């Protein structure tokens, strides 16, 4: 007689009662063992391994014991599954069809103790499908009934469970104020009232040492008690529960619990947040363009750049800043990049435009003909120079002190150049350029490329004045006389006149725009200029 190895599978949707010595899972197993024993004459043998899933819904196949059982079936260790009822195995008709396919592939079958039918016949399969359809229907009706109950309870202002929010303790179907945590909530709303931005609230909250709610789960594992980040603070500021209300989907109702924040104050905060969000989305008058390089810009540490902005005299200025400057704002000695966005985007646009024209050469495209060169350059000049299209070519940009590397996407380049894939030389996909930042007072200027001539008109004018005033001194004029003649101050003349003693090669370098980035009028005013030309060269070489 052939031995039929029977695996008993049990399941219970909720964890209620599982702590009892004899629970629902035990009762199911006992009934199944008795049924297997009654079929001993057919060669049925119950396996000693237990496949029990307690507290897991039958609407999913993501159950540890079920997955282990199906793996044992695939491995040929089980011939037959025995369940108390079909819905213990699954309540979904689709899931059941998938399980049956796996059972058929392994030459295995299943038996329901309380529902007798034979799946080998068409009538048996019909009976099975009807039973499963009712099981799925029952699950969906139960879920709908629970959803309706939750909605009705929330309309009455009841708290229906879940993560207890910061500022409260659970008290049955309502919440009680936690005094210490409530002070944190009030402080956050006060900070937003004073500063008006979530970022600054997060910065101030970190200074004050405000922390999230401490929690302990059923297994005794503790979590929370950490610094509040911007996302957490935004959630707190927009959660109506702190105004004594209960939210259900897109509606809010008056709650049974006491409010921590006055409803009028909470409503005002929502209005201010929505106005700022509208400006960020471009609905405001001043906000038009997003930051198109986000997700493609990285610095020398591998840190990505994130968008930022400031307002000066009513004008919005966009920046790309190293993400760590935002995430770890307030830390001491934190270095990173802060680049003017519009300038950077314009410089990168120009760099890629020039590269595309350069790419239309035999050094970048294999076997390029003169006709193709003309076609590609015309294509680039007529259709390929729009910033949006150019930025679509970019795969990644890495910025480091002194250099910038732009890596282009292969497929996008082939599409723009309209050539066969194997003709594009790999070097055409990488642009490496010098990268400098020039600061003059409060102005920041980005320079990408091979040290282009960058004339400092103010510095050149001041050097010219210094030579003119020095000539007047040699002719016998006094500082006071020169000041009266030139309509300037005596102090200004005394500060600048020594620049007439700059070495000729240094003056030539300035006139040609080849001077170091830091050599500006402000720098010369702050440093005593040596009269010895070699000493001047050594001093300027430190820039």
Protein backbone atom coordinates (compact mmCIF):
# COMPACT_ATOMS: atom_id res chain seq x y z
CA UNK A 1 0.00 0.00 0.00
CA UNK A 2 1.31 3.43 -0.95
CA UNK A 3 2.04 5.74 1.96
CA UNK A 4 0.38 9.17 1.73
CA UNK A 5 2.19 11.81 3.80
CA UNK A 6 -0.35 14.31 5.14
CA UNK A 7 0.60 17.82 6.33
CA UNK A 8 -1.97 19.47 8.58
CA UNK A 9 -2.33 23.22 8.03
CA UNK A 10 -4.14 25.48 10.51
CA UNK A 11 -4.82 29.23 10.52
CA UNK A 12 -6.60 31.88 12.59
CA UNK A 13 -7.17 35.44 11.39
CA UNK A 14 -6.75 37.19 14.74
CA UNK A 15 -4.39 36.71 17.67
CA UNK A 16 -7.26 36.70 20.15
CA UNK A 17 -7.21 33.57 22.30
CA UNK A 18 -3.92 32.21 20.93
CA UNK A 19 -2.34 32.56 24.36
CA UNK A 20 -4.70 29.87 25.75
CA UNK A 21 -3.42 26.36 26.41
CA UNK A 22 -5.94 24.90 23.96
CA UNK A 23 -6.78 27.41 21.22
CA UNK A 24 -8.42 27.40 17.80
CA UNK A 25 -5.27 26.15 16.07
CA UNK A 26 -5.12 23.17 18.45
CA UNK A 27 -8.80 22.39 17.85
CA UNK A 28 -8.30 22.46 14.06
CA UNK A 29 -5.27 20.19 14.29
CA UNK A 30 -7.05 17.73 16.56
CA UNK A 31 -9.97 17.42 14.11
CA UNK A 32 -7.57 16.97 11.16
CA UNK A 33 -5.51 14.32 13.00
CA UNK A 34 -8.70 12.39 13.78
CA UNK A 35 -9.69 12.49 10.10
CA UNK A 36 -6.24 11.29 8.98
CA UNK A 37 -6.43 8.46 11.52
CA UNK A 38 -9.80 7.42 10.06
CA UNK A 39 -8.12 7.08 6.66
CA UNK A 40 -5.26 4.96 7.96
CA UNK A 41 -6.48 2.01 5.86
CA UNK A 42 -5.80 4.16 2.77
CA UNK A 43 -2.19 4.64 3.83
CA UNK A 44 -2.64 8.17 5.25
CA UNK A 45 0.03 9.25 7.77
CA UNK A 46 0.05 12.60 9.58
CA UNK A 47 3.44 14.33 9.53
CA UNK A 48 4.75 15.53 12.89
CA UNK A 49 5.70 18.99 11.53
CA UNK A 50 3.27 21.74 12.50
CA UNK A 51 2.21 24.33 9.91
CA UNK A 52 0.34 26.92 11.98
CA UNK A 53 -0.30 30.57 11.08
CA UNK A 54 -1.88 32.47 13.96
CA UNK A 55 -3.08 36.03 13.60
CA UNK A 56 -2.74 36.20 9.79
CA UNK A 57 -5.54 36.91 7.30
CA UNK A 58 -6.53 34.39 4.66
CA UNK A 59 -6.56 37.18 2.10
CA UNK A 60 -2.78 36.92 1.56
CA UNK A 61 -0.34 34.14 0.75
CA UNK A 62 2.43 35.90 2.67
CA UNK A 63 2.21 33.53 5.62
CA UNK A 64 5.39 31.97 7.07
CA UNK A 65 4.02 28.48 7.72
CA UNK A 66 2.10 28.34 4.43
CA UNK A 67 5.23 29.33 2.51
CA UNK A 68 7.22 26.66 4.37
CA UNK A 69 4.50 24.08 3.60
CA UNK A 70 4.45 24.91 -0.11
CA UNK A 71 8.24 24.68 -0.22
CA UNK A 72 8.09 21.22 1.37
CA UNK A 73 5.53 20.21 -1.27
CA UNK A 74 7.82 21.49 -4.04
CA UNK A 75 10.66 19.46 -2.46
CA UNK A 76 8.52 16.29 -2.53
CA UNK A 77 8.19 15.96 1.27
CA UNK A 78 4.38 16.22 1.39
CA UNK A 79 1.74 14.31 -0.62
CA UNK A 80 -1.44 15.89 0.73
CA UNK A 81 -2.59 18.97 2.67
CA UNK A 82 -5.31 18.47 5.26
CA UNK A 83 -7.30 21.51 6.46
CA UNK A 84 -10.32 21.92 8.70
CA UNK A 85 -12.12 24.13 6.13
CA UNK A 86 -11.10 25.41 2.72
CA UNK A 87 -11.01 29.03 3.92
CA UNK A 88 -8.23 28.07 6.37
CA UNK A 89 -6.02 27.60 3.32
CA UNK A 90 -7.17 30.76 1.52
CA UNK A 91 -10.21 33.00 1.13
CA UNK A 92 -9.18 34.24 -2.32
CA UNK A 93 -10.27 32.43 -5.46
CA UNK A 94 -7.25 33.76 -7.37
CA UNK A 95 -4.81 32.67 -4.66
CA UNK A 96 -6.42 29.24 -4.51
CA UNK A 97 -5.96 28.78 -8.27
CA UNK A 98 -2.25 29.52 -7.85
CA UNK A 99 -1.97 27.04 -4.96
CA UNK A 100 -3.74 24.33 -6.99
CA UNK A 101 -1.32 24.86 -9.88
CA UNK A 102 1.63 24.28 -7.53
CA UNK A 103 -0.05 21.23 -6.03
CA UNK A 104 -0.70 19.77 -9.49
CA UNK A 105 2.92 20.41 -10.51
CA UNK A 106 4.09 18.43 -7.45
CA UNK A 107 1.44 15.65 -7.86
CA UNK A 108 0.00 16.64 -4.48
CA UNK A 109 -3.59 17.29 -3.39
CA UNK A 110 -5.57 18.65 -0.47
CA UNK A 111 -8.52 17.58 1.69
CA UNK A 112 -11.03 19.60 3.72
CA UNK A 113 -12.24 17.74 6.82
CA UNK A 114 -15.66 19.43 7.01
CA UNK A 115 -16.33 19.85 3.24
CA UNK A 116 -16.32 16.61 1.30
CA UNK A 117 -15.91 16.74 -2.49
CA UNK A 118 -13.74 15.23 -5.20
CA UNK A 119 -11.72 17.66 -7.33
CA UNK A 120 -11.09 14.96 -9.90
CA UNK A 121 -14.63 15.50 -11.30
CA UNK A 122 -16.10 18.59 -12.96
CA UNK A 123 -18.90 18.73 -10.35
CA UNK A 124 -16.32 18.58 -7.56
CA UNK A 125 -14.35 21.45 -9.05
CA UNK A 126 -17.55 23.49 -9.44
CA UNK A 127 -18.44 22.83 -5.80
CA UNK A 128 -14.96 23.90 -4.76
CA UNK A 129 -15.13 27.16 -6.76
CA UNK A 130 -18.56 27.99 -5.31
CA UNK A 131 -17.29 27.42 -1.77
CA UNK A 132 -14.24 29.59 -2.38
CA UNK A 133 -16.33 32.31 -3.98
CA UNK A 134 -18.50 32.43 -0.86
CA UNK A 135 -15.38 32.45 1.33
CA UNK A 136 -13.97 35.42 -0.62
CA UNK A 137 -17.37 37.14 -0.51
CA UNK A 138 -17.51 36.65 3.27
CA UNK A 139 -14.04 38.16 3.66
CA UNK A 140 -14.91 41.20 1.55
CA UNK A 141 -18.22 41.74 3.34
CA UNK A 142 -16.46 41.48 6.71
CA UNK A 143 -13.83 44.01 5.60
CA UNK A 144 -16.53 46.37 4.35
CA UNK A 145 -18.43 46.03 7.61
CA UNK A 146 -15.30 46.86 9.60
CA UNK A 147 -14.56 49.89 7.41
CA UNK A 148 -18.14 51.15 7.90
CA UNK A 149 -17.85 50.67 11.64
CA UNK A 150 -14.59 52.63 11.78
CA UNK A 151 -16.11 55.46 9.68
CA UNK A 152 -19.20 55.63 11.91
CA UNK A 153 -17.07 55.64 15.07
CA UNK A 154 -14.85 58.44 13.76
CA UNK A 155 -17.89 60.50 12.86
CA UNK A 156 -18.73 60.31 16.57
CA UNK A 157 -15.22 61.57 17.41
CA UNK A 158 -13.81 58.25 18.66
CA UNK A 159 -10.14 57.36 18.33
CA UNK A 160 -10.02 53.97 16.58
CA UNK A 161 -6.52 52.87 17.50
CA UNK A 162 -3.20 52.84 15.70
CA UNK A 163 0.00 54.67 16.64
CA UNK A 164 -0.74 56.97 19.58
CA UNK A 165 0.24 60.51 18.46
CA UNK A 166 2.80 62.62 20.27
CA UNK A 167 1.09 64.61 23.03
CA UNK A 168 -1.46 61.95 24.01
CA UNK A 169 -1.89 58.61 25.78
CA UNK A 170 -4.47 56.02 24.73
CA UNK A 171 -7.58 55.76 26.95
CA UNK A 172 -9.97 53.26 25.41
CA UNK A 173 -11.78 54.86 22.48
CA UNK A 174 -10.41 58.31 23.23
CA UNK A 175 -7.11 60.04 24.06
CA UNK A 176 -5.78 61.72 27.17
CA UNK A 177 -3.26 64.56 27.10
CA UNK A 178 0.30 63.66 28.07
CA UNK A 179 1.47 66.83 29.84
CA UNK A 180 5.18 66.63 29.00
CA UNK A 181 4.62 65.69 25.36
CA UNK A 182 1.89 68.32 24.99
CA UNK A 183 4.48 70.99 25.79
CA UNK A 184 6.53 69.73 22.84
CA UNK A 185 3.51 70.12 20.55
CA UNK A 186 2.80 73.66 21.82
CA UNK A 187 6.47 74.59 21.38
CA UNK A 188 6.49 73.38 17.75
CA UNK A 189 3.40 75.45 16.88
CA UNK A 190 4.89 78.48 18.63
CA UNK A 191 8.15 78.06 16.70
CA UNK A 192 6.24 77.92 13.42
CA UNK A 193 4.34 81.05 14.39
CA UNK A 194 7.66 82.84 15.05
CA UNK A 195 9.78 81.55 12.15
CA UNK A 196 7.26 80.59 9.46
CA UNK A 197 9.21 77.68 7.89
CA UNK A 198 9.34 74.00 8.78
CA UNK A 199 13.09 73.98 8.14
CA UNK A 200 13.75 76.67 10.73
CA UNK A 201 11.36 74.97 13.17
CA UNK A 202 13.40 71.76 12.80
CA UNK A 203 16.61 73.73 13.39
CA UNK A 204 15.25 75.37 16.55
CA UNK A 205 13.69 72.09 17.77
CA UNK A 206 17.10 70.42 17.52
CA UNK A 207 18.60 73.23 19.60
CA UNK A 208 15.88 72.77 22.24
CA UNK A 209 16.38 68.98 22.27
CA UNK A 210 12.78 68.15 21.34
CA UNK A 211 12.24 64.43 20.76
CA UNK A 212 9.66 62.12 19.23
CA UNK A 213 7.37 59.88 21.30
CA UNK A 214 8.98 56.91 23.04
CA UNK A 215 7.20 53.63 22.32
CA UNK A 216 7.45 50.04 23.53
CA UNK A 217 5.92 47.24 21.45
CA UNK A 218 4.38 43.97 22.66
CA UNK A 219 7.80 42.31 22.61
CA UNK A 220 9.29 44.96 24.85
CA UNK A 221 11.36 46.58 22.10
CA UNK A 222 11.68 50.34 22.54
CA UNK A 223 11.71 52.87 19.72
CA UNK A 224 11.34 56.62 19.24
CA UNK A 225 12.80 59.30 21.46
CA UNK A 226 14.83 60.66 18.53
CA UNK A 227 15.30 64.16 17.15
CA UNK A 228 12.37 65.48 15.14
CA UNK A 229 13.12 65.83 11.42
CA UNK A 230 11.26 68.10 8.99
CA UNK A 231 8.91 65.36 7.79
CA UNK A 232 7.88 64.49 11.34
CA UNK A 233 7.36 68.16 12.24
CA UNK A 234 5.27 68.77 9.12
CA UNK A 235 3.09 65.76 10.04
CA UNK A 236 2.58 67.14 13.56
CA UNK A 237 1.71 70.61 12.27
CA UNK A 238 -0.89 69.21 9.84
CA UNK A 239 -2.42 66.56 12.13
CA UNK A 240 -5.92 67.76 13.18
CA UNK A 241 -5.86 65.47 16.20
CA UNK A 242 -3.90 68.17 18.10
CA UNK A 243 -6.80 70.57 17.50
CA UNK A 244 -9.26 68.12 19.09
CA UNK A 245 -10.41 66.64 15.78
CA UNK A 246 -10.43 63.20 14.18
CA UNK A 247 -9.50 62.70 10.52
CA UNK A 248 -11.07 60.01 8.34
CA UNK A 249 -9.88 59.97 4.73
CA UNK A 250 -10.45 63.53 3.43
CA UNK A 251 -12.88 64.60 6.19
CA UNK A 252 -12.40 65.70 9.79
CA UNK A 253 -14.82 65.48 12.73
CA UNK A 254 -14.91 66.92 16.21
CA UNK A 255 -13.19 64.46 18.54
CA UNK A 256 -14.06 63.30 22.02
CA UNK A 257 -10.53 64.12 23.22
CA UNK A 258 -9.26 67.46 24.50
CA UNK A 259 -7.35 69.73 22.10
CA UNK A 260 -3.73 70.69 22.76
CA UNK A 261 -3.79 73.52 20.20
CA UNK A 262 -6.65 75.97 19.80
CA UNK A 263 -8.56 75.12 16.58
CA UNK A 264 -8.23 78.70 15.32
CA UNK A 265 -4.43 78.55 15.75
CA UNK A 266 -4.29 75.19 13.97
CA UNK A 267 -6.43 76.53 11.08
CA UNK A 268 -4.10 79.52 10.70
CA UNK A 269 -1.06 77.24 10.49
CA UNK A 270 -2.75 75.17 7.75
CA UNK A 271 -3.42 78.31 5.72
CA UNK A 272 0.21 79.42 5.97
CA UNK A 273 1.49 75.96 5.04
CA UNK A 274 -0.82 75.77 2.03
CA UNK A 275 0.30 79.19 0.78
CA UNK A 276 3.96 78.15 0.95
CA UNK A 277 3.17 74.86 -0.76
CA UNK A 278 1.42 76.74 -3.57
CA UNK A 279 4.52 78.88 -4.10
CA UNK A 280 6.73 75.78 -4.17
CA UNK A 281 4.45 74.21 -6.80
CA UNK A 282 4.71 77.30 -8.95
CA UNK A 283 1.24 78.69 -8.25
CA UNK A 284 2.66 81.87 -6.70
CA UNK A 285 3.74 84.91 -8.68
CA UNK A 286 7.45 84.55 -8.06
CA UNK A 287 7.95 80.80 -8.49
CA UNK A 288 8.10 79.52 -12.05
CA UNK A 289 10.94 77.06 -12.60
CA UNK A 290 11.76 73.88 -10.74
CA UNK A 291 15.35 72.74 -10.23
CA UNK A 292 15.93 70.54 -13.30
CA UNK A 293 19.31 69.15 -12.20
CA UNK A 294 18.00 67.54 -9.01
CA UNK A 295 18.90 63.86 -8.79
CA UNK A 296 21.82 64.32 -11.20
CA UNK A 297 24.18 66.55 -9.18
CA UNK A 298 26.69 65.10 -6.67
CA UNK A 299 29.69 66.54 -4.84
CA UNK A 300 33.13 65.03 -4.23
CA UNK A 301 31.87 63.09 -1.16
CA UNK A 302 29.07 61.44 -3.17
CA UNK A 303 26.49 63.57 -1.38
CA UNK A 304 23.67 64.66 -3.66
CA UNK A 305 22.69 68.29 -4.12
CA UNK A 306 19.25 69.39 -2.98
CA UNK A 307 17.30 72.54 -3.99
CA UNK A 308 17.14 75.53 -1.71
CA UNK A 309 16.21 79.19 -2.03
CA UNK A 310 16.33 82.52 -0.25
CA UNK A 311 14.49 85.82 -0.64
CA UNK A 312 16.24 89.17 -0.87
CA UNK A 313 14.24 92.36 -1.40
CA UNK A 314 11.25 90.30 -2.56
CA UNK A 315 13.24 88.35 -5.15
CA UNK A 316 13.61 84.57 -4.96
CA UNK A 317 17.13 83.18 -5.45
CA UNK A 318 17.52 79.44 -6.10
CA UNK A 319 20.53 77.35 -5.04
CA UNK A 320 21.84 73.81 -5.19
CA UNK A 321 23.30 72.86 -1.81
CA UNK A 322 24.98 69.72 -0.49
CA UNK A 323 22.26 67.64 1.17
CA UNK A 324 24.23 67.35 4.42
CA UNK A 325 23.98 71.13 4.92
CA UNK A 326 20.20 70.73 5.04
CA UNK A 327 19.96 67.41 6.86
CA UNK A 328 22.54 68.29 9.53
CA UNK A 329 21.87 72.03 9.74
CA UNK A 330 23.21 73.54 12.95
CA UNK A 331 26.28 71.30 13.27
CA UNK A 332 29.60 73.04 13.77
CA UNK A 333 32.39 72.93 11.16
CA UNK A 334 30.09 71.42 8.54
CA UNK A 335 31.42 72.00 5.03
CA UNK A 336 29.56 71.68 1.75
CA UNK A 337 28.59 73.42 -1.47
CA UNK A 338 26.05 76.20 -2.06
CA UNK A 339 25.87 77.04 -5.77
CA UNK A 340 23.61 79.62 -7.47
CA UNK A 341 21.17 77.48 -9.46
CA UNK A 342 20.50 79.74 -12.45
CA UNK A 343 24.19 80.32 -13.11
CA UNK A 344 25.01 76.63 -12.79
CA UNK A 345 22.21 75.62 -15.15
CA UNK A 346 23.27 78.22 -17.72
CA UNK A 347 26.93 77.20 -17.55
CA UNK A 348 26.11 73.50 -17.91
CA UNK A 349 23.77 74.28 -20.81
CA UNK A 350 26.59 76.14 -22.59
CA UNK A 351 29.10 73.35 -21.84
CA UNK A 352 26.88 70.61 -23.29
CA UNK A 353 26.03 72.75 -26.32
CA UNK A 354 29.71 73.17 -27.10
CA UNK A 355 30.34 69.46 -26.51
CA UNK A 356 27.61 68.42 -28.94
CA UNK A 357 29.19 70.55 -31.66
CA UNK A 358 32.57 69.02 -30.79
CA UNK A 359 31.01 65.55 -30.86
CA UNK A 360 30.31 66.00 -34.57
CA UNK A 361 33.94 65.09 -35.35
CA UNK A 362 35.70 61.82 -36.28
CA UNK A 363 37.34 61.81 -32.81
CA UNK A 364 33.89 61.34 -31.21
CA UNK A 365 31.94 59.45 -33.91
CA UNK A 366 33.60 56.65 -35.84
CA UNK A 367 33.69 57.01 -39.63
CA UNK A 368 32.03 60.42 -39.69
CA UNK A 369 31.61 61.92 -43.19
CA UNK A 370 31.58 65.63 -44.05
CA UNK A 371 27.87 65.38 -44.90
CA UNK A 372 27.16 63.90 -41.47
CA UNK A 373 29.15 66.64 -39.74
CA UNK A 374 27.04 69.30 -41.46
CA UNK A 375 23.81 67.42 -40.66
CA UNK A 376 24.66 66.82 -36.98
CA UNK A 377 25.74 70.41 -36.35
CA UNK A 378 22.59 71.72 -38.04
CA UNK A 379 20.53 69.27 -35.94
CA UNK A 380 22.20 70.49 -32.73
CA UNK A 381 21.89 74.18 -33.60
CA UNK A 382 18.28 73.98 -34.76
CA UNK A 383 16.70 71.53 -32.32
CA UNK A 384 19.16 70.36 -29.72
CA UNK A 385 20.01 73.52 -27.81
CA UNK A 386 16.92 73.86 -25.62
CA UNK A 387 17.84 73.46 -21.99
CA UNK A 388 15.19 70.80 -21.26
CA UNK A 389 16.47 68.58 -24.09
CA UNK A 390 20.08 69.12 -23.08
CA UNK A 391 19.45 68.19 -19.45
CA UNK A 392 17.71 65.01 -20.64
CA UNK A 393 21.11 63.93 -21.97
CA UNK A 394 22.70 64.10 -18.51
CA UNK A 395 23.12 60.91 -16.52
CA UNK A 396 25.23 62.32 -13.66
CA UNK A 397 27.30 65.40 -12.78
CA UNK A 398 30.12 65.24 -10.21
CA UNK A 399 31.47 68.52 -8.82
CA UNK A 400 34.75 68.76 -6.91
CA UNK A 401 37.14 71.55 -6.03
CA UNK A 402 38.64 72.64 -9.35
CA UNK A 403 36.82 70.23 -11.66
CA UNK A 404 33.43 69.12 -12.97
CA UNK A 405 32.62 65.87 -14.75
CA UNK A 406 29.40 65.49 -16.77
CA UNK A 407 28.46 61.95 -17.81
CA UNK A 408 25.95 61.66 -20.64
CA UNK A 409 23.41 58.94 -21.36
CA UNK A 410 24.36 56.66 -24.26
CA UNK A 411 20.88 56.17 -25.71
CA UNK A 412 20.05 59.88 -25.48
CA UNK A 413 23.28 60.87 -27.26
CA UNK A 414 22.67 58.37 -30.06
CA UNK A 415 19.15 59.76 -30.51
CA UNK A 416 20.39 63.37 -30.70
CA UNK A 417 23.27 62.61 -33.08
CA UNK A 418 21.11 60.15 -35.09
CA UNK A 419 23.89 57.60 -35.59
CA UNK A 420 24.30 53.84 -35.17
CA UNK A 421 25.12 52.80 -31.55
CA UNK A 422 28.47 51.17 -32.37
CA UNK A 423 29.81 54.36 -33.99
CA UNK A 424 29.73 56.49 -30.82
CA UNK A 425 33.18 56.56 -29.19
CA UNK A 426 32.96 56.21 -25.35
CA UNK A 427 34.94 59.43 -24.78
CA UNK A 428 32.00 61.36 -26.25
CA UNK A 429 29.92 60.46 -23.19
CA UNK A 430 32.14 62.25 -20.65
CA UNK A 431 32.80 65.97 -20.34
CA UNK A 432 35.53 67.01 -17.89
CA UNK A 433 36.06 70.72 -17.34
CA UNK A 434 37.81 72.98 -14.81
CA UNK A 435 35.35 74.41 -12.30
CA UNK A 436 35.93 77.59 -10.33
CA UNK A 437 33.98 79.88 -8.05
CA UNK A 438 34.86 83.57 -8.17
CA UNK A 439 33.62 85.79 -5.34
CA UNK A 440 33.55 89.57 -5.52
CA UNK A 441 31.99 91.03 -2.43
CA UNK A 442 28.59 89.37 -2.06
CA UNK A 443 28.53 88.28 -5.72
CA UNK A 444 29.32 84.67 -6.63
CA UNK A 445 30.27 83.74 -10.17
CA UNK A 446 30.73 80.21 -11.50
CA UNK A 447 33.31 79.57 -14.20
CA UNK A 448 33.33 76.29 -16.12
CA UNK A 449 35.98 75.73 -18.76
CA UNK A 450 39.67 76.19 -19.49
CA UNK A 451 40.33 79.35 -17.46
CA UNK A 452 38.51 81.78 -19.78
CA UNK A 453 39.61 85.41 -19.72
CA UNK A 454 37.69 87.01 -16.89
CA UNK A 455 38.36 90.73 -16.80
CA UNK A 456 37.89 92.49 -13.47
CA UNK A 457 36.89 95.92 -14.76
CA UNK A 458 36.83 97.48 -11.28
CA UNK A 459 40.34 96.26 -10.47
CA UNK A 460 41.69 97.46 -13.84
CA UNK A 461 40.13 100.91 -13.33
CA UNK A 462 41.61 101.18 -9.83
CA UNK A 463 45.11 100.29 -11.08
CA UNK A 464 44.78 102.91 -13.82
CA UNK A 465 43.76 105.51 -11.22
CA UNK A 466 46.71 104.50 -9.04
CA UNK A 467 49.16 105.20 -11.90
CA UNK A 468 47.44 108.51 -12.65
CA UNK A 469 47.53 109.65 -9.02
CA UNK A 470 51.14 108.47 -8.62
CA UNK A 471 52.10 110.61 -11.63
CA UNK A 472 50.37 113.60 -9.99
CA UNK A 473 52.32 113.00 -6.76
CA UNK A 474 55.59 112.96 -8.74
CA UNK A 475 54.59 116.25 -10.35
CA UNK A 476 54.40 117.87 -6.90
CA UNK A 477 50.68 117.57 -6.08
CA UNK A 478 49.62 116.79 -2.49
CA UNK A 479 47.02 114.21 -1.47
CA UNK A 480 44.60 116.98 -0.55
CA UNK A 481 45.03 118.67 -3.93
CA UNK A 482 44.52 115.38 -5.78
CA UNK A 483 41.42 114.60 -3.70
CA UNK A 484 39.92 117.99 -4.56
CA UNK A 485 40.75 117.60 -8.25
CA UNK A 486 39.52 113.98 -8.56
CA UNK A 487 36.41 114.46 -6.37
CA UNK A 488 37.36 111.63 -4.03
CA UNK A 489 38.66 111.25 -0.49
CA UNK A 490 42.25 111.57 0.65
CA UNK A 491 41.98 108.20 2.39
CA UNK A 492 40.86 106.51 -0.84
CA UNK A 493 43.88 107.88 -2.72
CA UNK A 494 46.27 106.71 0.03
CA UNK A 495 44.75 103.23 -0.07
CA UNK A 496 44.97 102.76 -3.84
CA UNK A 497 48.05 104.71 -4.92
CA UNK A 498 50.50 101.97 -3.92
CA UNK A 499 48.93 99.70 -6.58
CA UNK A 500 50.96 101.72 -9.08
CA UNK A 501 53.95 99.77 -7.72
CA UNK A 502 52.57 96.39 -8.88
CA UNK A 503 55.01 94.34 -10.96
CA UNK A 504 54.47 94.79 -14.73
CA UNK A 505 53.82 91.06 -15.27
CA UNK A 506 51.14 91.10 -12.53
CA UNK A 507 49.44 94.10 -14.16
CA UNK A 508 49.57 92.34 -17.56
CA UNK A 509 48.04 89.22 -16.01
CA UNK A 510 45.16 91.30 -14.57
CA UNK A 511 44.55 93.15 -17.84
CA UNK A 512 44.39 89.81 -19.70
CA UNK A 513 42.05 88.27 -17.12
CA UNK A 514 44.53 85.55 -16.03
CA UNK A 515 44.80 86.57 -12.38
CA UNK A 516 43.93 84.13 -9.54
CA UNK A 517 40.30 84.06 -8.44
CA UNK A 518 41.01 85.81 -5.15
CA UNK A 519 43.01 88.71 -6.57
CA UNK A 520 40.40 91.50 -6.34
CA UNK A 521 40.28 95.13 -5.26
CA UNK A 522 38.95 94.07 -1.85
CA UNK A 523 41.84 91.63 -1.39
CA UNK A 524 44.43 94.30 -2.22
CA UNK A 525 42.79 96.73 0.22
CA UNK A 526 43.06 94.16 3.03
CA UNK A 527 46.73 93.24 2.42
CA UNK A 528 49.85 95.37 2.67
CA UNK A 529 51.49 95.33 -0.76
CA UNK A 530 55.27 94.74 -0.70
CA UNK A 531 57.35 97.09 -2.85
CA UNK A 532 59.60 94.19 -3.93
CA UNK A 533 58.19 92.58 -7.08
CA UNK A 534 59.34 89.05 -6.17
CA UNK A 535 57.63 89.38 -2.78
CA UNK A 536 54.46 90.49 -4.61
CA UNK A 537 54.59 87.43 -6.84
CA UNK A 538 55.06 85.11 -3.84
CA UNK A 539 52.13 86.73 -2.00
CA UNK A 540 49.79 86.44 -4.98
CA UNK A 541 50.91 82.85 -5.59
CA UNK A 542 49.28 81.90 -2.26
CA UNK A 543 45.83 82.69 -3.67
